[in-house]
């Protein structure tokens, strides 16, 4: 069987922090899955990255912006067509504050 990189106690602690109720079978499954992830991270840590420039993001910097355009112009009659009551271009509602 593979070496476990994470203990059942650690799995239970993380589950408690995440407020998860796990069955014993789920705990063991997560232990195996998390151990496999940690083994893979260990493998990645063995790579020589001395010549790799540090990056903060992989895509183009900034957020693409577009011009604001109104595509659904207000049409009071259409908006109020199903209102139970209306007063001009407004919804008419019962008074709730004395």
C-alpha atoms as a PDB file:
ATOM      1  CA  UNK A   1       0.000   0.000   0.000  1.00  0.00           C
ATOM      2  CA  UNK A   2       1.189   3.568  -0.713  1.00  0.00           C
ATOM      3  CA  UNK A   3       2.748   5.772   1.877  1.00  0.00           C
ATOM      4  CA  UNK A   4       0.105   8.013   3.442  1.00  0.00           C
ATOM      5  CA  UNK A   5       1.195  11.646   3.411  1.00  0.00           C
ATOM      6  CA  UNK A   6      -1.708  12.717   5.621  1.00  0.00           C
ATOM      7  CA  UNK A   7      -3.060  11.012   8.718  1.00  0.00           C
ATOM      8  CA  UNK A   8      -6.672  10.176   9.484  1.00  0.00           C
ATOM      9  CA  UNK A   9      -6.450  12.625  12.389  1.00  0.00           C
ATOM     10  CA  UNK A  10      -5.509  15.392   9.934  1.00  0.00           C
ATOM     11  CA  UNK A  11      -8.370  14.409   7.626  1.00  0.00           C
ATOM     12  CA  UNK A  12     -10.771  14.545  10.573  1.00  0.00           C
ATOM     13  CA  UNK A  13      -9.380  17.937  11.636  1.00  0.00           C
ATOM     14  CA  UNK A  14      -9.853  19.412   8.150  1.00  0.00           C
ATOM     15  CA  UNK A  15     -13.352  17.898   7.960  1.00  0.00           C
ATOM     16  CA  UNK A  16     -14.192  19.468  11.322  1.00  0.00           C
ATOM     17  CA  UNK A  17     -12.919  22.882  10.131  1.00  0.00           C
ATOM     18  CA  UNK A  18     -15.037  22.535   6.978  1.00  0.00           C
ATOM     19  CA  UNK A  19     -17.976  21.333   9.077  1.00  0.00           C
ATOM     20  CA  UNK A  20     -18.197  18.070   7.137  1.00  0.00           C
ATOM     21  CA  UNK A  21     -19.554  14.863   8.592  1.00  0.00           C
ATOM     22  CA  UNK A  22     -17.638  12.003   7.032  1.00  0.00           C
ATOM     23  CA  UNK A  23     -18.173   8.283   7.352  1.00  0.00           C
ATOM     24  CA  UNK A  24     -15.103   6.141   8.121  1.00  0.00           C
ATOM     25  CA  UNK A  25     -15.046   5.024   4.472  1.00  0.00           C
ATOM     26  CA  UNK A  26     -15.127   8.664   3.293  1.00  0.00           C
ATOM     27  CA  UNK A  27     -12.304   9.549   5.702  1.00  0.00           C
ATOM     28  CA  UNK A  28     -10.134   6.769   4.293  1.00  0.00           C
ATOM     29  CA  UNK A  29     -10.985   7.736   0.723  1.00  0.00           C
ATOM     30  CA  UNK A  30     -10.074  11.365   1.406  1.00  0.00           C
ATOM     31  CA  UNK A  31      -6.879  10.262   3.127  1.00  0.00           C
ATOM     32  CA  UNK A  32      -5.876   8.372  -0.026  1.00  0.00           C
ATOM     33  CA  UNK A  33      -6.889  11.207  -2.359  1.00  0.00           C
ATOM     34  CA  UNK A  34      -5.146  13.917  -0.327  1.00  0.00           C
ATOM     35  CA  UNK A  35      -2.040  11.743   0.049  1.00  0.00           C
ATOM     36  CA  UNK A  36      -1.905  11.302  -3.731  1.00  0.00           C
ATOM     37  CA  UNK A  37      -2.208  15.075  -4.190  1.00  0.00           C
ATOM     38  CA  UNK A  38       0.580  15.712  -1.691  1.00  0.00           C
ATOM     39  CA  UNK A  39       2.826  13.084  -3.378  1.00  0.00           C
ATOM     40  CA  UNK A  40       2.245  14.877  -6.690  1.00  0.00           C
ATOM     41  CA  UNK A  41       3.142  18.237  -5.119  1.00  0.00           C
ATOM     42  CA  UNK A  42       6.335  16.650  -3.756  1.00  0.00           C
ATOM     43  CA  UNK A  43       7.121  15.451  -7.265  1.00  0.00           C
ATOM     44  CA  UNK A  44       6.567  18.963  -8.654  1.00  0.00           C
ATOM     45  CA  UNK A  45       8.810  20.408  -5.942  1.00  0.00           C
ATOM     46  CA  UNK A  46      11.678  18.269  -7.285  1.00  0.00           C
ATOM     47  CA  UNK A  47      11.648  20.172 -10.582  1.00  0.00           C
ATOM     48  CA  UNK A  48      14.433  22.663 -11.161  1.00  0.00           C
ATOM     49  CA  UNK A  49      12.711  26.022 -11.603  1.00  0.00           C
ATOM     50  CA  UNK A  50      15.799  28.220 -11.137  1.00  0.00           C
ATOM     51  CA  UNK A  51      15.569  29.529 -14.715  1.00  0.00           C
ATOM     52  CA  UNK A  52      11.783  30.075 -14.654  1.00  0.00           C
ATOM     53  CA  UNK A  53      10.739  33.665 -14.166  1.00  0.00           C
ATOM     54  CA  UNK A  54       8.208  34.220 -11.399  1.00  0.00           C
ATOM     55  CA  UNK A  55       4.700  35.083 -12.559  1.00  0.00           C
ATOM     56  CA  UNK A  56       1.693  36.483 -10.778  1.00  0.00           C
ATOM     57  CA  UNK A  57      -0.849  35.492 -13.426  1.00  0.00           C
ATOM     58  CA  UNK A  58      -0.861  33.519 -16.635  1.00  0.00           C
ATOM     59  CA  UNK A  59      -3.270  35.612 -18.698  1.00  0.00           C
ATOM     60  CA  UNK A  60      -3.185  39.135 -19.987  1.00  0.00           C
ATOM     61  CA  UNK A  61      -3.053  41.708 -17.192  1.00  0.00           C
ATOM     62  CA  UNK A  62      -6.146  43.645 -16.298  1.00  0.00           C
ATOM     63  CA  UNK A  63      -9.805  43.105 -16.877  1.00  0.00           C
ATOM     64  CA  UNK A  64     -11.252  43.633 -20.298  1.00  0.00           C
ATOM     65  CA  UNK A  65     -13.800  46.416 -20.203  1.00  0.00           C
ATOM     66  CA  UNK A  66     -16.537  47.286 -22.640  1.00  0.00           C
ATOM     67  CA  UNK A  67     -18.618  50.376 -23.120  1.00  0.00           C
ATOM     68  CA  UNK A  68     -21.858  50.388 -21.162  1.00  0.00           C
ATOM     69  CA  UNK A  69     -24.771  50.194 -23.553  1.00  0.00           C
ATOM     70  CA  UNK A  70     -28.437  50.119 -22.643  1.00  0.00           C
ATOM     71  CA  UNK A  71     -29.990  47.195 -24.475  1.00  0.00           C
ATOM     72  CA  UNK A  72     -33.318  47.031 -22.674  1.00  0.00           C
ATOM     73  CA  UNK A  73     -34.758  50.515 -22.535  1.00  0.00           C
ATOM     74  CA  UNK A  74     -37.421  50.905 -19.832  1.00  0.00           C
ATOM     75  CA  UNK A  75     -40.953  50.594 -21.120  1.00  0.00           C
ATOM     76  CA  UNK A  76     -43.306  51.473 -18.248  1.00  0.00           C
ATOM     77  CA  UNK A  77     -46.409  49.991 -19.878  1.00  0.00           C
ATOM     78  CA  UNK A  78     -44.705  46.640 -20.455  1.00  0.00           C
ATOM     79  CA  UNK A  79     -43.160  46.577 -16.953  1.00  0.00           C
ATOM     80  CA  UNK A  80     -46.471  47.426 -15.281  1.00  0.00           C
ATOM     81  CA  UNK A  81     -48.658  45.236 -17.512  1.00  0.00           C
ATOM     82  CA  UNK A  82     -48.990  42.503 -14.865  1.00  0.00           C
ATOM     83  CA  UNK A  83     -49.038  44.775 -11.808  1.00  0.00           C
ATOM     84  CA  UNK A  84     -52.097  44.260  -9.601  1.00  0.00           C
ATOM     85  CA  UNK A  85     -52.462  48.044  -9.309  1.00  0.00           C
ATOM     86  CA  UNK A  86     -50.679  51.050 -10.726  1.00  0.00           C
ATOM     87  CA  UNK A  87     -50.698  54.778 -10.409  1.00  0.00           C
ATOM     88  CA  UNK A  88     -49.364  56.379 -13.586  1.00  0.00           C
ATOM     89  CA  UNK A  89     -45.961  54.837 -14.270  1.00  0.00           C
ATOM     90  CA  UNK A  90     -45.584  53.413 -10.748  1.00  0.00           C
ATOM     91  CA  UNK A  91     -46.621  50.287  -8.863  1.00  0.00           C
ATOM     92  CA  UNK A  92     -49.420  51.040  -6.430  1.00  0.00           C
ATOM     93  CA  UNK A  93     -48.970  49.260  -3.117  1.00  0.00           C
ATOM     94  CA  UNK A  94     -50.803  49.394   0.201  1.00  0.00           C
ATOM     95  CA  UNK A  95     -49.475  51.793   2.799  1.00  0.00           C
ATOM     96  CA  UNK A  96     -47.494  49.890   5.423  1.00  0.00           C
ATOM     97  CA  UNK A  97     -46.154  52.714   7.610  1.00  0.00           C
ATOM     98  CA  UNK A  98     -48.486  54.834   9.724  1.00  0.00           C
END
